[in-house]
Amino acid sequence: MRIIMHYYYDSTSNDAALLLSEKLKYIIKTSKDSRQETIILCVGSDRSTGDSLGPIVGYKLK
């Protein structure tokens, strides 16, 4: 069974980094427990400074 979940974090929120890190920890832990493959897609542009962390974060994930 394929489950697709979408999450959005407002980058102007003071809690955005904390909320994102907590959600990533939860997703990684539950995917390991259930032996399901996890795909993390980071969307953004490298054309505008500060626009998005997608391109920066995306290439660092293994």
N, C-alpha and C. Protein backbone atom coordinates (compact mmCIF):
# COMPACT_ATOMS: atom_id res chain seq x y z
N MET A 1 0.84 -1.18 0.00
CA MET A 1 0.00 0.00 0.00
C MET A 1 0.88 1.25 0.00
N ARG A 2 0.55 2.18 -0.82
CA ARG A 2 1.32 3.42 -0.93
C ARG A 2 0.62 4.52 -0.14
N ILE A 3 1.36 5.14 0.75
CA ILE A 3 0.84 6.25 1.54
C ILE A 3 1.63 7.50 1.16
N ILE A 4 0.91 8.54 0.82
CA ILE A 4 1.56 9.80 0.46
C ILE A 4 1.15 10.85 1.49
N MET A 5 2.15 11.48 2.10
CA MET A 5 1.88 12.52 3.08
C MET A 5 2.56 13.81 2.63
N HIS A 6 1.89 14.90 2.81
CA HIS A 6 2.44 16.21 2.47
C HIS A 6 2.55 17.04 3.74
N TYR A 7 3.65 17.74 3.88
CA TYR A 7 3.84 18.62 5.02
C TYR A 7 4.35 19.96 4.51
N TYR A 8 3.89 21.02 5.14
CA TYR A 8 4.34 22.36 4.78
C TYR A 8 4.70 23.09 6.06
N TYR A 9 5.82 23.78 6.04
CA TYR A 9 6.26 24.55 7.19
C TYR A 9 6.53 25.98 6.73
N ASP A 10 5.94 26.92 7.42
CA ASP A 10 6.12 28.33 7.12
C ASP A 10 7.52 28.75 7.54
N SER A 11 8.35 29.12 6.60
CA SER A 11 9.74 29.46 6.90
C SER A 11 9.89 30.71 7.76
N THR A 12 8.84 31.51 7.85
CA THR A 12 8.91 32.70 8.69
C THR A 12 8.55 32.41 10.14
N SER A 13 8.07 31.21 10.40
CA SER A 13 7.70 30.83 11.77
C SER A 13 8.95 30.54 12.59
N ASN A 14 8.95 30.97 13.83
CA ASN A 14 10.09 30.71 14.72
C ASN A 14 10.26 29.23 15.02
N ASP A 15 9.19 28.46 14.92
CA ASP A 15 9.23 27.04 15.24
C ASP A 15 9.42 26.14 14.02
N ALA A 16 9.59 26.70 12.85
CA ALA A 16 9.64 25.91 11.62
C ALA A 16 10.74 24.85 11.65
N ALA A 17 11.94 25.21 12.03
CA ALA A 17 13.05 24.25 12.04
C ALA A 17 12.80 23.14 13.04
N LEU A 18 12.30 23.48 14.21
CA LEU A 18 12.00 22.48 15.23
C LEU A 18 10.90 21.53 14.77
N LEU A 19 9.83 22.08 14.21
CA LEU A 19 8.73 21.25 13.74
C LEU A 19 9.17 20.31 12.62
N LEU A 20 9.97 20.82 11.69
CA LEU A 20 10.47 20.01 10.60
C LEU A 20 11.37 18.89 11.11
N SER A 21 12.28 19.21 12.02
CA SER A 21 13.20 18.19 12.53
C SER A 21 12.45 17.11 13.31
N GLU A 22 11.44 17.50 14.09
CA GLU A 22 10.66 16.51 14.82
C GLU A 22 9.89 15.60 13.88
N LYS A 23 9.33 16.17 12.82
CA LYS A 23 8.58 15.36 11.85
C LYS A 23 9.50 14.41 11.09
N LEU A 24 10.69 14.89 10.70
CA LEU A 24 11.64 14.02 10.01
C LEU A 24 12.08 12.86 10.90
N LYS A 25 12.36 13.13 12.17
CA LYS A 25 12.74 12.06 13.10
C LYS A 25 11.63 11.02 13.19
N TYR A 26 10.40 11.48 13.30
CA TYR A 26 9.26 10.58 13.40
C TYR A 26 9.11 9.73 12.14
N ILE A 27 9.20 10.36 10.98
CA ILE A 27 9.05 9.64 9.71
C ILE A 27 10.15 8.59 9.55
N ILE A 28 11.39 8.97 9.85
CA ILE A 28 12.51 8.04 9.71
C ILE A 28 12.36 6.87 10.67
N LYS A 29 11.99 7.14 11.91
CA LYS A 29 11.82 6.08 12.90
C LYS A 29 10.71 5.12 12.50
N THR A 30 9.56 5.64 12.11
CA THR A 30 8.44 4.77 11.76
C THR A 30 8.70 4.00 10.47
N SER A 31 9.44 4.58 9.54
CA SER A 31 9.72 3.85 8.30
C SER A 31 10.71 2.72 8.56
N LYS A 32 11.65 2.91 9.47
CA LYS A 32 12.57 1.83 9.83
C LYS A 32 11.84 0.71 10.54
N ASP A 33 10.92 1.06 11.44
CA ASP A 33 10.16 0.06 12.19
C ASP A 33 9.28 -0.77 11.27
N SER A 34 8.72 -0.17 10.24
CA SER A 34 7.81 -0.89 9.35
C SER A 34 8.51 -1.40 8.09
N ARG A 35 9.79 -1.12 7.96
CA ARG A 35 10.58 -1.53 6.80
C ARG A 35 10.04 -0.97 5.48
N GLN A 36 9.44 0.19 5.56
CA GLN A 36 8.94 0.85 4.36
C GLN A 36 9.99 1.82 3.84
N GLU A 37 10.01 1.98 2.55
CA GLU A 37 10.92 2.94 1.94
C GLU A 37 10.37 4.35 2.15
N THR A 38 11.25 5.27 2.49
CA THR A 38 10.85 6.66 2.69
C THR A 38 11.50 7.52 1.62
N ILE A 39 10.70 8.35 0.98
CA ILE A 39 11.21 9.29 -0.01
C ILE A 39 10.94 10.69 0.51
N ILE A 40 12.00 11.50 0.57
CA ILE A 40 11.86 12.89 1.01
C ILE A 40 12.16 13.78 -0.18
N LEU A 41 11.19 14.59 -0.54
CA LEU A 41 11.32 15.48 -1.69
C LEU A 41 11.39 16.92 -1.18
N CYS A 42 12.49 17.59 -1.47
CA CYS A 42 12.67 18.98 -1.06
C CYS A 42 12.53 19.86 -2.29
N VAL A 43 11.54 20.72 -2.29
CA VAL A 43 11.26 21.56 -3.44
C VAL A 43 11.72 22.98 -3.16
N GLY A 44 12.37 23.57 -4.12
CA GLY A 44 12.81 24.95 -3.95
C GLY A 44 13.62 25.40 -5.14
N SER A 45 14.16 26.58 -5.04
CA SER A 45 14.94 27.16 -6.11
C SER A 45 16.28 27.64 -5.58
N ASP A 46 17.33 27.43 -6.35
CA ASP A 46 18.63 27.96 -5.96
C ASP A 46 18.88 29.32 -6.62
N ARG A 47 17.86 29.86 -7.27
CA ARG A 47 17.98 31.13 -8.00
C ARG A 47 17.82 32.35 -7.10
N SER A 48 17.20 32.16 -5.96
CA SER A 48 16.93 33.29 -5.07
C SER A 48 17.46 32.97 -3.68
N THR A 49 18.38 33.77 -3.18
CA THR A 49 18.96 33.54 -1.87
C THR A 49 17.89 33.62 -0.80
N GLY A 50 17.84 32.60 0.05
CA GLY A 50 16.86 32.56 1.13
C GLY A 50 15.48 32.11 0.71
N ASP A 51 15.30 31.83 -0.58
CA ASP A 51 14.00 31.42 -1.09
C ASP A 51 13.57 30.07 -0.54
N SER A 52 14.50 29.13 -0.52
CA SER A 52 14.15 27.77 -0.12
C SER A 52 15.39 27.00 0.26
N LEU A 53 15.23 26.10 1.21
CA LEU A 53 16.34 25.22 1.58
C LEU A 53 16.30 23.91 0.81
N GLY A 54 15.29 23.74 -0.04
CA GLY A 54 15.15 22.49 -0.79
C GLY A 54 16.41 22.04 -1.49
N PRO A 55 17.03 22.86 -2.33
CA PRO A 55 18.24 22.43 -3.03
C PRO A 55 19.41 22.14 -2.08
N ILE A 56 19.49 22.88 -0.98
CA ILE A 56 20.60 22.67 -0.04
C ILE A 56 20.40 21.38 0.74
N VAL A 57 19.21 21.20 1.29
CA VAL A 57 18.93 20.02 2.10
C VAL A 57 18.86 18.77 1.25
N GLY A 58 18.25 18.87 0.09
CA GLY A 58 18.03 17.71 -0.76
C GLY A 58 19.27 16.92 -1.09
N TYR A 59 20.36 17.58 -1.40
CA TYR A 59 21.55 16.85 -1.80
C TYR A 59 22.29 16.26 -0.61
N LYS A 60 21.99 16.69 0.60
CA LYS A 60 22.67 16.16 1.78
C LYS A 60 21.99 14.92 2.35
N LEU A 61 20.76 14.64 1.95
CA LEU A 61 20.05 13.47 2.45
C LEU A 61 20.56 12.22 1.75
N LYS A 62 20.68 11.16 2.51
CA LYS A 62 21.10 9.87 1.92
C LYS A 62 20.02 8.85 2.14
